Each structure stands twice: as structure tokens, then as C-alpha cells.
PDB file of N, CA and C in Angstrom:
ATOM      1  N   MET A   1     -25.202 -23.993 -19.892  1.00  0.00           N
ATOM      2  CA  MET A   1     -24.147 -24.785 -19.322  1.00  0.00           C
ATOM      3  C   MET A   1     -23.888 -26.000 -20.202  1.00  0.00           C
ATOM      4  N   PHE A   2     -22.637 -26.401 -20.313  1.00  0.00           N
ATOM      5  CA  PHE A   2     -22.256 -27.596 -21.059  1.00  0.00           C
ATOM      6  C   PHE A   2     -22.784 -28.822 -20.339  1.00  0.00           C
ATOM      7  N   ALA A   3     -23.156 -29.848 -21.096  1.00  0.00           N
ATOM      8  CA  ALA A   3     -23.689 -31.064 -20.493  1.00  0.00           C
ATOM      9  C   ALA A   3     -23.239 -32.294 -21.272  1.00  0.00           C
ATOM     10  N   LEU A   4     -23.304 -33.426 -20.587  1.00  0.00           N
ATOM     11  CA  LEU A   4     -23.073 -34.733 -21.196  1.00  0.00           C
ATOM     12  C   LEU A   4     -24.354 -35.533 -21.069  1.00  0.00           C
ATOM     13  N   THR A   5     -24.662 -36.335 -22.065  1.00  0.00           N
ATOM     14  CA  THR A   5     -25.746 -37.291 -21.887  1.00  0.00           C
ATOM     15  C   THR A   5     -25.190 -38.462 -21.088  1.00  0.00           C
ATOM     16  N   HIS A   6     -26.088 -39.243 -20.541  1.00  0.00           N
ATOM     17  CA  HIS A   6     -25.671 -40.428 -19.787  1.00  0.00           C
ATOM     18  C   HIS A   6     -24.896 -41.386 -20.692  1.00  0.00           C
ATOM     19  N   ALA A   7     -25.332 -41.532 -21.936  1.00  0.00           N
ATOM     20  CA  ALA A   7     -24.647 -42.424 -22.888  1.00  0.00           C
ATOM     21  C   ALA A   7     -23.212 -41.960 -23.138  1.00  0.00           C
ATOM     22  N   ALA A   8     -23.007 -40.652 -23.265  1.00  0.00           N
ATOM     23  CA  ALA A   8     -21.651 -40.125 -23.477  1.00  0.00           C
ATOM     24  C   ALA A   8     -20.783 -40.364 -22.253  1.00  0.00           C
ATOM     25  N   ALA A   9     -21.335 -40.105 -21.066  1.00  0.00           N
ATOM     26  CA  ALA A   9     -20.567 -40.313 -19.832  1.00  0.00           C
ATOM     27  C   ALA A   9     -20.155 -41.778 -19.701  1.00  0.00           C
ATOM     28  N   GLU A  10     -21.066 -42.701 -19.987  1.00  0.00           N
ATOM     29  CA  GLU A  10     -20.731 -44.127 -19.908  1.00  0.00           C
ATOM     30  C   GLU A  10     -19.603 -44.490 -20.867  1.00  0.00           C
ATOM     31  N   GLN A  11     -19.654 -43.986 -22.086  1.00  0.00           N
ATOM     32  CA  GLN A  11     -18.627 -44.305 -23.078  1.00  0.00           C
ATOM     33  C   GLN A  11     -17.281 -43.697 -22.684  1.00  0.00           C
ATOM     34  N   ILE A  12     -17.274 -42.496 -22.129  1.00  0.00           N
ATOM     35  CA  ILE A  12     -16.039 -41.851 -21.681  1.00  0.00           C
ATOM     36  C   ILE A  12     -15.423 -42.645 -20.534  1.00  0.00           C
ATOM     37  N   LEU A  13     -16.260 -43.098 -19.594  1.00  0.00           N
ATOM     38  CA  LEU A  13     -15.758 -43.905 -18.481  1.00  0.00           C
ATOM     39  C   LEU A  13     -15.160 -45.217 -18.993  1.00  0.00           C
ATOM     40  N   ARG A  14     -15.795 -45.837 -19.990  1.00  0.00           N
ATOM     41  CA  ARG A  14     -15.238 -47.059 -20.590  1.00  0.00           C
ATOM     42  C   ARG A  14     -13.879 -46.779 -21.229  1.00  0.00           C
ATOM     43  N   ALA A  15     -13.786 -45.685 -21.960  1.00  0.00           N
ATOM     44  CA  ALA A  15     -12.523 -45.330 -22.616  1.00  0.00           C
ATOM     45  C   ALA A  15     -11.432 -45.035 -21.590  1.00  0.00           C
ATOM     46  N   ALA A  16     -11.801 -44.423 -20.475  1.00  0.00           N
ATOM     47  CA  ALA A  16     -10.824 -44.089 -19.435  1.00  0.00           C
ATOM     48  C   ALA A  16     -10.217 -45.348 -18.826  1.00  0.00           C
ATOM     49  N   ILE A  17     -11.018 -46.386 -18.700  1.00  0.00           N
ATOM     50  CA  ILE A  17     -10.524 -47.648 -18.154  1.00  0.00           C
ATOM     51  C   ILE A  17      -9.441 -48.228 -19.068  1.00  0.00           C
ATOM     52  N   GLU A  18      -9.594 -48.036 -20.370  1.00  0.00           N
ATOM     53  CA  GLU A  18      -8.648 -48.567 -21.350  1.00  0.00           C
ATOM     54  C   GLU A  18      -7.380 -47.728 -21.463  1.00  0.00           C
ATOM     55  N   GLN A  19      -7.404 -46.496 -20.930  1.00  0.00           N
ATOM     56  CA  GLN A  19      -6.243 -45.604 -20.987  1.00  0.00           C
ATOM     57  C   GLN A  19      -5.379 -45.836 -19.744  1.00  0.00           C
ATOM     58  N   PRO A  20      -4.163 -46.341 -19.898  1.00  0.00           N
ATOM     59  CA  PRO A  20      -3.341 -46.614 -18.726  1.00  0.00           C
ATOM     60  C   PRO A  20      -2.891 -45.349 -17.988  1.00  0.00           C
ATOM     61  N   ASP A  21      -2.903 -44.210 -18.649  1.00  0.00           N
ATOM     62  CA  ASP A  21      -2.400 -42.989 -18.018  1.00  0.00           C
ATOM     63  C   ASP A  21      -3.493 -42.124 -17.393  1.00  0.00           C
ATOM     64  N   THR A  22      -4.733 -42.560 -17.379  1.00  0.00           N
ATOM     65  CA  THR A  22      -5.783 -41.805 -16.685  1.00  0.00           C
ATOM     66  C   THR A  22      -5.919 -42.371 -15.287  1.00  0.00           C
ATOM     67  N   ARG A  23      -5.461 -41.609 -14.298  1.00  0.00           N
ATOM     68  CA  ARG A  23      -5.481 -42.057 -12.904  1.00  0.00           C
ATOM     69  C   ARG A  23      -6.682 -41.436 -12.207  1.00  0.00           C
ATOM     70  N   GLY A  24      -7.337 -42.246 -11.401  1.00  0.00           N
ATOM     71  CA  GLY A  24      -8.478 -41.723 -10.661  1.00  0.00           C
ATOM     72  C   GLY A  24      -9.639 -41.434 -11.584  1.00  0.00           C
ATOM     73  N   ALA A  25     -10.426 -40.424 -11.220  1.00  0.00           N
ATOM     74  CA  ALA A  25     -11.590 -40.048 -12.028  1.00  0.00           C
ATOM     75  C   ALA A  25     -11.106 -39.462 -13.354  1.00  0.00           C
ATOM     76  N   PRO A  26     -11.723 -39.863 -14.452  1.00  0.00           N
ATOM     77  CA  PRO A  26     -11.300 -39.329 -15.744  1.00  0.00           C
ATOM     78  C   PRO A  26     -11.591 -37.839 -15.855  1.00  0.00           C
ATOM     79  N   MET A  27     -10.661 -37.105 -16.457  1.00  0.00           N
ATOM     80  CA  MET A  27     -10.845 -35.681 -16.700  1.00  0.00           C
ATOM     81  C   MET A  27     -10.844 -35.483 -18.212  1.00  0.00           C
ATOM     82  N   LEU A  28     -11.990 -35.076 -18.721  1.00  0.00           N
ATOM     83  CA  LEU A  28     -12.154 -34.909 -20.155  1.00  0.00           C
ATOM     84  C   LEU A  28     -12.158 -33.431 -20.493  1.00  0.00           C
ATOM     85  N   ARG A  29     -11.207 -33.020 -21.316  1.00  0.00           N
ATOM     86  CA  ARG A  29     -11.194 -31.636 -21.782  1.00  0.00           C
ATOM     87  C   ARG A  29     -12.026 -31.548 -23.053  1.00  0.00           C
ATOM     88  N   VAL A  30     -12.962 -30.604 -23.063  1.00  0.00           N
ATOM     89  CA  VAL A  30     -13.706 -30.301 -24.278  1.00  0.00           C
ATOM     90  C   VAL A  30     -13.339 -28.881 -24.685  1.00  0.00           C
ATOM     91  N   ALA A  31     -13.234 -28.674 -25.964  1.00  0.00           N
ATOM     92  CA  ALA A  31     -12.813 -27.371 -26.468  1.00  0.00           C
ATOM     93  C   ALA A  31     -13.609 -27.030 -27.720  1.00  0.00           C
ATOM     94  N   ALA A  32     -13.676 -25.742 -27.991  1.00  0.00           N
ATOM     95  CA  ALA A  32     -14.355 -25.274 -29.198  1.00  0.00           C
ATOM     96  C   ALA A  32     -13.661 -24.014 -29.684  1.00  0.00           C
ATOM     97  N   LYS A  33     -13.639 -23.853 -30.987  1.00  0.00           N
ATOM     98  CA  LYS A  33     -13.102 -22.627 -31.584  1.00  0.00           C
ATOM     99  C   LYS A  33     -13.830 -22.373 -32.890  1.00  0.00           C
ATOM    100  N   VAL A  34     -13.785 -21.145 -33.326  1.00  0.00           N
ATOM    101  CA  VAL A  34     -14.413 -20.773 -34.589  1.00  0.00           C
ATOM    102  C   VAL A  34     -13.368 -20.911 -35.687  1.00  0.00           C
ATOM    103  N   ASP A  35     -13.693 -21.678 -36.712  1.00  0.00           N
ATOM    104  CA  ASP A  35     -12.815 -21.855 -37.865  1.00  0.00           C
ATOM    105  C   ASP A  35     -12.812 -20.551 -38.660  1.00  0.00           C
ATOM    106  N   GLU A  36     -11.648 -19.972 -38.821  1.00  0.00           N
ATOM    107  CA  GLU A  36     -11.546 -18.676 -39.497  1.00  0.00           C
ATOM    108  C   GLU A  36     -11.933 -18.740 -40.965  1.00  0.00           C
ATOM    109  N   SER A  37     -11.803 -19.898 -41.590  1.00  0.00           N
ATOM    110  CA  SER A  37     -12.090 -19.979 -43.027  1.00  0.00           C
ATOM    111  C   SER A  37     -13.583 -19.968 -43.335  1.00  0.00           C
ATOM    112  N   ASP A  38     -14.405 -20.589 -42.457  1.00  0.00           N
ATOM    113  CA  ASP A  38     -15.830 -20.645 -42.774  1.00  0.00           C
ATOM    114  C   ASP A  38     -16.744 -20.209 -41.626  1.00  0.00           C
ATOM    115  N   GLY A  39     -16.172 -19.861 -40.490  1.00  0.00           N
ATOM    116  CA  GLY A  39     -16.966 -19.372 -39.365  1.00  0.00           C
ATOM    117  C   GLY A  39     -17.684 -20.451 -38.575  1.00  0.00           C
ATOM    118  N   GLU A  40     -17.485 -21.712 -38.933  1.00  0.00           N
ATOM    119  CA  GLU A  40     -18.112 -22.817 -38.222  1.00  0.00           C
ATOM    120  C   GLU A  40     -17.400 -23.073 -36.901  1.00  0.00           C
ATOM    121  N   VAL A  41     -18.136 -23.567 -35.918  1.00  0.00           N
ATOM    122  CA  VAL A  41     -17.532 -23.950 -34.646  1.00  0.00           C
ATOM    123  C   VAL A  41     -16.967 -25.357 -34.789  1.00  0.00           C
ATOM    124  N   VAL A  42     -15.713 -25.516 -34.385  1.00  0.00           N
ATOM    125  CA  VAL A  42     -15.018 -26.796 -34.436  1.00  0.00           C
ATOM    126  C   VAL A  42     -14.838 -27.277 -33.000  1.00  0.00           C
ATOM    127  N   TYR A  43     -15.189 -28.530 -32.732  1.00  0.00           N
ATOM    128  CA  TYR A  43     -15.131 -29.086 -31.385  1.00  0.00           C
ATOM    129  C   TYR A  43     -14.015 -30.116 -31.280  1.00  0.00           C
ATOM    130  N   GLY A  44     -13.495 -30.274 -30.072  1.00  0.00           N
ATOM    131  CA  GLY A  44     -12.494 -31.299 -29.810  1.00  0.00           C
ATOM    132  C   GLY A  44     -12.624 -31.782 -28.380  1.00  0.00           C
ATOM    133  N   MET A  45     -12.044 -32.956 -28.114  1.00  0.00           N
ATOM    134  CA  MET A  45     -12.084 -33.500 -26.766  1.00  0.00           C
ATOM    135  C   MET A  45     -10.970 -34.510 -26.597  1.00  0.00           C
ATOM    136  N   GLY A  46     -10.577 -34.713 -25.347  1.00  0.00           N
ATOM    137  CA  GLY A  46      -9.556 -35.701 -25.019  1.00  0.00           C
ATOM    138  C   GLY A  46      -9.260 -35.661 -23.532  1.00  0.00           C
ATOM    139  N   PHE A  47      -8.653 -36.719 -23.023  1.00  0.00           N
ATOM    140  CA  PHE A  47      -8.300 -36.750 -21.619  1.00  0.00           C
ATOM    141  C   PHE A  47      -7.160 -35.783 -21.361  1.00  0.00           C
ATOM    142  N   ASP A  48      -7.209 -35.103 -20.229  1.00  0.00           N
ATOM    143  CA  ASP A  48      -6.217 -34.069 -19.928  1.00  0.00           C
ATOM    144  C   ASP A  48      -6.152 -33.870 -18.421  1.00  0.00           C
ATOM    145  N   GLU A  49      -5.255 -33.004 -18.001  1.00  0.00           N
ATOM    146  CA  GLU A  49      -5.146 -32.619 -16.602  1.00  0.00           C
ATOM    147  C   GLU A  49      -5.718 -31.222 -16.440  1.00  0.00           C
ATOM    148  N   GLU A  50      -6.203 -30.946 -15.235  1.00  0.00           N
ATOM    149  CA  GLU A  50      -6.786 -29.639 -14.949  1.00  0.00           C
ATOM    150  C   GLU A  50      -5.711 -28.559 -14.987  1.00  0.00           C
ATOM    151  N   ARG A  51      -6.089 -27.412 -15.549  1.00  0.00           N
ATOM    152  CA  ARG A  51      -5.214 -26.238 -15.594  1.00  0.00           C
ATOM    153  C   ARG A  51      -5.863 -25.107 -14.803  1.00  0.00           C
ATOM    154  N   GLU A  52      -5.044 -24.175 -14.419  1.00  0.00           N
ATOM    155  CA  GLU A  52      -5.557 -23.006 -13.712  1.00  0.00           C
ATOM    156  C   GLU A  52      -6.598 -22.309 -14.587  1.00  0.00           C
ATOM    157  N   ASP A  53      -7.647 -21.840 -13.995  1.00  0.00           N
ATOM    158  CA  ASP A  53      -8.754 -21.133 -14.657  1.00  0.00           C
ATOM    159  C   ASP A  53      -9.723 -22.030 -15.431  1.00  0.00           C
ATOM    160  N   ASP A  54      -9.503 -23.345 -15.432  1.00  0.00           N
ATOM    161  CA  ASP A  54     -10.464 -24.244 -16.081  1.00  0.00           C
ATOM    162  C   ASP A  54     -11.781 -24.238 -15.318  1.00  0.00           C
ATOM    163  N   LEU A  55     -12.860 -24.316 -16.052  1.00  0.00           N
ATOM    164  CA  LEU A  55     -14.158 -24.604 -15.463  1.00  0.00           C
ATOM    165  C   LEU A  55     -14.219 -26.124 -15.368  1.00  0.00           C
ATOM    166  N   VAL A  56     -14.579 -26.651 -14.191  1.00  0.00           N
ATOM    167  CA  VAL A  56     -14.677 -28.090 -13.992  1.00  0.00           C
ATOM    168  C   VAL A  56     -16.131 -28.418 -13.666  1.00  0.00           C
ATOM    169  N   ILE A  57     -16.726 -29.304 -14.466  1.00  0.00           N
ATOM    170  CA  ILE A  57     -18.115 -29.718 -14.277  1.00  0.00           C
ATOM    171  C   ILE A  57     -18.116 -31.225 -14.056  1.00  0.00           C
ATOM    172  N   ASP A  58     -18.771 -31.688 -13.003  1.00  0.00           N
ATOM    173  CA  ASP A  58     -18.885 -33.125 -12.758  1.00  0.00           C
ATOM    174  C   ASP A  58     -20.151 -33.640 -13.429  1.00  0.00           C
ATOM    175  N   CYS A  59     -19.973 -34.560 -14.368  1.00  0.00           N
ATOM    176  CA  CYS A  59     -21.101 -35.137 -15.100  1.00  0.00           C
ATOM    177  C   CYS A  59     -21.037 -36.651 -15.006  1.00  0.00           C
ATOM    178  N   ASP A  60     -21.899 -37.228 -14.204  1.00  0.00           N
ATOM    179  CA  ASP A  60     -21.979 -38.692 -14.086  1.00  0.00           C
ATOM    180  C   ASP A  60     -20.621 -39.337 -13.833  1.00  0.00           C
ATOM    181  N   GLY A  61     -19.800 -38.725 -12.967  1.00  0.00           N
ATOM    182  CA  GLY A  61     -18.494 -39.291 -12.639  1.00  0.00           C
ATOM    183  C   GLY A  61     -17.382 -38.879 -13.575  1.00  0.00           C
ATOM    184  N   VAL A  62     -17.671 -38.064 -14.558  1.00  0.00           N
ATOM    185  CA  VAL A  62     -16.656 -37.554 -15.486  1.00  0.00           C
ATOM    186  C   VAL A  62     -16.432 -36.078 -15.169  1.00  0.00           C
ATOM    187  N   ALA A  63     -15.193 -35.714 -14.872  1.00  0.00           N
ATOM    188  CA  ALA A  63     -14.861 -34.308 -14.682  1.00  0.00           C
ATOM    189  C   ALA A  63     -14.602 -33.709 -16.060  1.00  0.00           C
ATOM    190  N   VAL A  64     -15.428 -32.750 -16.445  1.00  0.00           N
ATOM    191  CA  VAL A  64     -15.293 -32.094 -17.738  1.00  0.00           C
ATOM    192  C   VAL A  64     -14.539 -30.788 -17.523  1.00  0.00           C
ATOM    193  N   LEU A  65     -13.449 -30.610 -18.263  1.00  0.00           N
ATOM    194  CA  LEU A  65     -12.610 -29.420 -18.169  1.00  0.00           C
ATOM    195  C   LEU A  65     -12.872 -28.526 -19.371  1.00  0.00           C
ATOM    196  N   ILE A  66     -13.105 -27.242 -19.103  1.00  0.00           N
ATOM    197  CA  ILE A  66     -13.332 -26.282 -20.186  1.00  0.00           C
ATOM    198  C   ILE A  66     -12.504 -25.043 -19.896  1.00  0.00           C
ATOM    199  N   SER A  67     -11.682 -24.638 -20.851  1.00  0.00           N
ATOM    200  CA  SER A  67     -10.861 -23.440 -20.680  1.00  0.00           C
ATOM    201  C   SER A  67     -11.747 -22.201 -20.807  1.00  0.00           C
ATOM    202  N   PRO A  68     -11.309 -21.085 -20.214  1.00  0.00           N
ATOM    203  CA  PRO A  68     -12.100 -19.853 -20.332  1.00  0.00           C
ATOM    204  C   PRO A  68     -12.359 -19.455 -21.783  1.00  0.00           C
ATOM    205  N   ARG A  69     -11.435 -19.748 -22.655  1.00  0.00           N
ATOM    206  CA  ARG A  69     -11.565 -19.389 -24.069  1.00  0.00           C
ATOM    207  C   ARG A  69     -12.702 -20.148 -24.762  1.00  0.00           C
ATOM    208  N   SER A  70     -12.918 -21.403 -24.348  1.00  0.00           N
ATOM    209  CA  SER A  70     -13.944 -22.244 -24.972  1.00  0.00           C
ATOM    210  C   SER A  70     -15.316 -22.098 -24.325  1.00  0.00           C
ATOM    211  N   GLN A  71     -15.362 -21.567 -23.117  1.00  0.00           N
ATOM    212  CA  GLN A  71     -16.625 -21.529 -22.376  1.00  0.00           C
ATOM    213  C   GLN A  71     -17.771 -20.877 -23.139  1.00  0.00           C
ATOM    214  N   PRO A  72     -17.593 -19.697 -23.747  1.00  0.00           N
ATOM    215  CA  PRO A  72     -18.740 -19.085 -24.446  1.00  0.00           C
ATOM    216  C   PRO A  72     -19.245 -19.928 -25.624  1.00  0.00           C
ATOM    217  N   LEU A  73     -18.349 -20.632 -26.294  1.00  0.00           N
ATOM    218  CA  LEU A  73     -18.742 -21.439 -27.451  1.00  0.00           C
ATOM    219  C   LEU A  73     -19.408 -22.752 -27.041  1.00  0.00           C
ATOM    220  N   LEU A  74     -19.173 -23.187 -25.813  1.00  0.00           N
ATOM    221  CA  LEU A  74     -19.745 -24.447 -25.344  1.00  0.00           C
ATOM    222  C   LEU A  74     -20.986 -24.256 -24.499  1.00  0.00           C
ATOM    223  N   GLU A  75     -21.356 -23.013 -24.258  1.00  0.00           N
ATOM    224  CA  GLU A  75     -22.580 -22.735 -23.510  1.00  0.00           C
ATOM    225  C   GLU A  75     -23.760 -23.350 -24.265  1.00  0.00           C
ATOM    226  N   ALA A  76     -24.639 -24.014 -23.554  1.00  0.00           N
ATOM    227  CA  ALA A  76     -25.829 -24.644 -24.155  1.00  0.00           C
ATOM    228  C   ALA A  76     -25.461 -25.688 -25.211  1.00  0.00           C
ATOM    229  N   THR A  77     -24.346 -26.405 -24.967  1.00  0.00           N
ATOM    230  CA  THR A  77     -23.926 -27.486 -25.850  1.00  0.00           C
ATOM    231  C   THR A  77     -23.951 -28.783 -25.059  1.00  0.00           C
ATOM    232  N   THR A  78     -24.395 -29.843 -25.704  1.00  0.00           N
ATOM    233  CA  THR A  78     -24.430 -31.158 -25.075  1.00  0.00           C
ATOM    234  C   THR A  78     -23.594 -32.124 -25.900  1.00  0.00           C
ATOM    235  N   LEU A  79     -22.775 -32.914 -25.208  1.00  0.00           N
ATOM    236  CA  LEU A  79     -22.014 -33.977 -25.858  1.00  0.00           C
ATOM    237  C   LEU A  79     -22.798 -35.269 -25.691  1.00  0.00           C
ATOM    238  N   ASP A  80     -23.100 -35.906 -26.808  1.00  0.00           N
ATOM    239  CA  ASP A  80     -23.882 -37.134 -26.808  1.00  0.00           C
ATOM    240  C   ASP A  80     -23.055 -38.236 -27.459  1.00  0.00           C
ATOM    241  N   PHE A  81     -23.398 -39.472 -27.165  1.00  0.00           N
ATOM    242  CA  PHE A  81     -22.833 -40.638 -27.850  1.00  0.00           C
ATOM    243  C   PHE A  81     -24.033 -41.356 -28.444  1.00  0.00           C
ATOM    244  N   THR A  82     -24.137 -41.311 -29.753  1.00  0.00           N
ATOM    245  CA  THR A  82     -25.372 -41.745 -30.396  1.00  0.00           C
ATOM    246  C   THR A  82     -25.087 -42.521 -31.679  1.00  0.00           C
ATOM    247  N   GLU A  83     -26.090 -43.247 -32.123  1.00  0.00           N
ATOM    248  CA  GLU A  83     -25.995 -43.994 -33.372  1.00  0.00           C
ATOM    249  C   GLU A  83     -26.242 -43.030 -34.530  1.00  0.00           C
ATOM    250  N   VAL A  84     -25.219 -42.826 -35.357  1.00  0.00           N
ATOM    251  CA  VAL A  84     -25.337 -41.895 -36.486  1.00  0.00           C
ATOM    252  C   VAL A  84     -25.756 -42.601 -37.769  1.00  0.00           C
ATOM    253  N   HIS A  85     -25.432 -43.867 -37.865  1.00  0.00           N
ATOM    254  CA  HIS A  85     -25.862 -44.743 -38.953  1.00  0.00           C
ATOM    255  C   HIS A  85     -26.109 -46.101 -38.304  1.00  0.00           C
ATOM    256  N   PRO A  86     -26.887 -46.965 -38.900  1.00  0.00           N
ATOM    257  CA  PRO A  86     -27.139 -48.265 -38.285  1.00  0.00           C
ATOM    258  C   PRO A  86     -25.835 -48.979 -37.887  1.00  0.00           C
ATOM    259  N   GLY A  87     -25.689 -49.223 -36.590  1.00  0.00           N
ATOM    260  CA  GLY A  87     -24.509 -49.902 -36.063  1.00  0.00           C
ATOM    261  C   GLY A  87     -23.279 -49.035 -35.892  1.00  0.00           C
ATOM    262  N   GLU A  88     -23.351 -47.737 -36.214  1.00  0.00           N
ATOM    263  CA  GLU A  88     -22.201 -46.838 -36.113  1.00  0.00           C
ATOM    264  C   GLU A  88     -22.500 -45.760 -35.074  1.00  0.00           C
ATOM    265  N   PHE A  89     -21.730 -45.789 -33.980  1.00  0.00           N
ATOM    266  CA  PHE A  89     -21.916 -44.834 -32.886  1.00  0.00           C
ATOM    267  C   PHE A  89     -20.759 -43.849 -32.854  1.00  0.00           C
ATOM    268  N   GLN A  90     -21.076 -42.589 -32.541  1.00  0.00           N
ATOM    269  CA  GLN A  90     -20.060 -41.538 -32.457  1.00  0.00           C
ATOM    270  C   GLN A  90     -20.436 -40.539 -31.369  1.00  0.00           C
ATOM    271  N   PHE A  91     -19.413 -39.813 -30.917  1.00  0.00           N
ATOM    272  CA  PHE A  91     -19.673 -38.657 -30.074  1.00  0.00           C
ATOM    273  C   PHE A  91     -20.147 -37.527 -30.977  1.00  0.00           C
ATOM    274  N   VAL A  92     -21.183 -36.829 -30.539  1.00  0.00           N
ATOM    275  CA  VAL A  92     -21.756 -35.738 -31.315  1.00  0.00           C
ATOM    276  C   VAL A  92     -21.964 -34.553 -30.394  1.00  0.00           C
ATOM    277  N   PHE A  93     -21.464 -33.382 -30.794  1.00  0.00           N
ATOM    278  CA  PHE A  93     -21.721 -32.146 -30.061  1.00  0.00           C
ATOM    279  C   PHE A  93     -23.009 -31.546 -30.595  1.00  0.00           C
ATOM    280  N   ARG A  94     -23.959 -31.300 -29.713  1.00  0.00           N
ATOM    281  CA  ARG A  94     -25.240 -30.706 -30.095  1.00  0.00           C
ATOM    282  C   ARG A  94     -25.285 -29.291 -29.540  1.00  0.00           C
ATOM    283  N   SER A  95     -25.117 -28.338 -30.408  1.00  0.00           N
ATOM    284  CA  SER A  95     -25.103 -26.927 -30.006  1.00  0.00           C
ATOM    285  C   SER A  95     -26.525 -26.406 -29.854  1.00  0.00           C
ATOM    286  N   GLY A  96     -26.711 -25.554 -28.862  1.00  0.00           N
ATOM    287  CA  GLY A  96     -28.019 -24.948 -28.650  1.00  0.00           C
ATOM    288  C   GLY A  96     -28.961 -25.812 -27.858  1.00  0.00           C
ATOM    289  N   CYS A  97     -28.471 -26.900 -27.289  1.00  0.00           N
ATOM    290  CA  CYS A  97     -29.313 -27.786 -26.495  1.00  0.00           C
ATOM    291  C   CYS A  97     -29.472 -27.203 -25.105  1.00  0.00           C
ATOM    292  N   THR A  98     -30.670 -26.794 -24.774  1.00  0.00           N
ATOM    293  CA  THR A  98     -30.913 -26.200 -23.468  1.00  0.00           C
ATOM    294  C   THR A  98     -31.934 -26.979 -22.661  1.00  0.00           C
ATOM    295  N   VAL A  99     -32.310 -28.157 -23.138  1.00  0.00           N
ATOM    296  CA  VAL A  99     -33.310 -28.953 -22.442  1.00  0.00           C
ATOM    297  C   VAL A  99     -32.593 -29.897 -21.486  1.00  0.00           C
ATOM    298  N   PRO A 100     -32.637 -29.659 -20.170  1.00  0.00           N
ATOM    299  CA  PRO A 100     -31.932 -30.542 -19.247  1.00  0.00           C
ATOM    300  C   PRO A 100     -32.643 -31.868 -19.099  1.00  0.00           C
ATOM    301  N   GLN A 101     -31.875 -32.877 -18.757  1.00  0.00           N
ATOM    302  CA  GLN A 101     -32.448 -34.192 -18.505  1.00  0.00           C
ATOM    303  C   GLN A 101     -33.078 -34.151 -17.117  1.00  0.00           C
ATOM    304  N   ALA A 102     -34.267 -34.646 -16.989  1.00  0.00           N
ATOM    305  CA  ALA A 102     -35.021 -34.567 -15.728  1.00  0.00           C
ATOM    306  C   ALA A 102     -34.223 -35.138 -14.575  1.00  0.00           C
ATOM    307  N   GLY A 103     -34.151 -34.366 -13.482  1.00  0.00           N
ATOM    308  CA  GLY A 103     -33.539 -34.830 -12.263  1.00  0.00           C
ATOM    309  C   GLY A 103     -32.025 -34.807 -12.263  1.00  0.00           C
ATOM    310  N   ARG A 104     -31.384 -34.193 -13.225  1.00  0.00           N
ATOM    311  CA  ARG A 104     -29.925 -34.189 -13.287  1.00  0.00           C
ATOM    312  C   ARG A 104     -29.410 -32.753 -13.295  1.00  0.00           C
ATOM    313  N   GLY A 105     -28.363 -32.516 -12.522  1.00  0.00           N
ATOM    314  CA  GLY A 105     -27.705 -31.221 -12.575  1.00  0.00           C
ATOM    315  C   GLY A 105     -26.947 -31.061 -13.882  1.00  0.00           C
ATOM    316  N   CYS A 106     -26.319 -32.148 -14.309  1.00  0.00           N
ATOM    317  CA  CYS A 106     -25.591 -32.150 -15.570  1.00  0.00           C
ATOM    318  C   CYS A 106     -26.442 -32.956 -16.526  1.00  0.00           C
ATOM    319  N   GLY A 107     -27.212 -32.291 -17.313  1.00  0.00           N
ATOM    320  CA  GLY A 107     -28.259 -32.955 -18.061  1.00  0.00           C
ATOM    321  C   GLY A 107     -27.829 -33.441 -19.418  1.00  0.00           C
ATOM    322  N   GLY A 108     -28.791 -33.905 -20.103  1.00  0.00           N
ATOM    323  CA  GLY A 108     -28.595 -34.373 -21.451  1.00  0.00           C
ATOM    324  C   GLY A 108     -29.591 -33.721 -22.355  1.00  0.00           C
ATOM    325  N   CYS A 109     -29.611 -34.182 -23.545  1.00  0.00           N
ATOM    326  CA  CYS A 109     -30.513 -33.616 -24.516  1.00  0.00           C
ATOM    327  C   CYS A 109     -31.870 -34.253 -24.413  1.00  0.00           C
ATOM    328  N   GLY A 110     -32.877 -33.425 -24.384  1.00  0.00           N
ATOM    329  CA  GLY A 110     -34.253 -33.937 -24.387  1.00  0.00           C
ATOM    330  C   GLY A 110     -34.805 -33.873 -25.786  1.00  0.00           C
ATOM    331  N   GLY A 111     -36.089 -33.891 -25.894  1.00  0.00           N
ATOM    332  CA  GLY A 111     -36.729 -33.912 -27.207  1.00  0.00           C
ATOM    333  C   GLY A 111     -36.563 -32.628 -27.984  1.00  0.00           C
ATOM    334  N   GLY A 112     -36.062 -31.562 -27.353  1.00  0.00           N
ATOM    335  CA  GLY A 112     -35.974 -30.286 -28.047  1.00  0.00           C
ATOM    336  C   GLY A 112     -34.736 -30.107 -28.874  1.00  0.00           C
ATOM    337  N   CYS A 113     -33.858 -31.098 -28.915  1.00  0.00           N
ATOM    338  CA  CYS A 113     -32.591 -30.941 -29.646  1.00  0.00           C
ATOM    339  C   CYS A 113     -32.634 -31.750 -30.924  1.00  0.00           C
ATOM    340  N   SER A 114     -31.866 -31.280 -31.875  1.00  0.00           N
ATOM    341  CA  SER A 114     -31.769 -32.032 -33.133  1.00  0.00           C
ATOM    342  C   SER A 114     -30.331 -32.377 -33.427  1.00  0.00           C
TER     343      SER A 114
END
């Protein structure tokens, strides 16, 4: 199942407050596709509205929307907000993360992810 870390959820909620067109609870669409040129998985995200057939996951107050097409590619993927270089924070998709955060239905990455 797709998951958000607590740090990612907090940052998304902060960004939603700054977006004048996000009403109510923020709805974040995450998507993935395979790049035909090199076979790598490419990820994307942004605020959106729910569509028919979307999978909706509630993660720390963030409704995560995933289309049926992206669901298999996002299975066992965690979205994190982490320091990638000293003082530089980014959203990072961690594929293959299956370690849930203790006590959470929508977990985060534990020590088993890289």
C-alpha cells in the first residue's frame, strides 16, 4: 500500500494552506508511470480533485488520490519529505518500502528503507 511519512504529510498540509484553491481537506494526487526510453519509474504529485475509480487513502489528514493506472507502480511506495543535502529538503518517493510506521494505518518508512 502507498504511504506518506508524517514529515511529508505535514509539509503537504502546509503547502495546502498556501494554495487558495484547495478547499477543505487537501487532496494530493500521486502518479507513476514507466518511462519508455529507459524503463525507470517516473513519479509525480500535485493537488487535484477526486475522479471516478480513484483509490483514496487518508494519511494524517491528507487524502491521497491514486488512479487505477498508477496503483500497481505505487504499491509498497512511501512518499517522504527529507533532507537530501545539508539544509535542502525535498519530497522523495521510496519504492519498495514495506516497513509500516508503528501504530499507523498509513505508515512511513522505517529502518528497512533506503
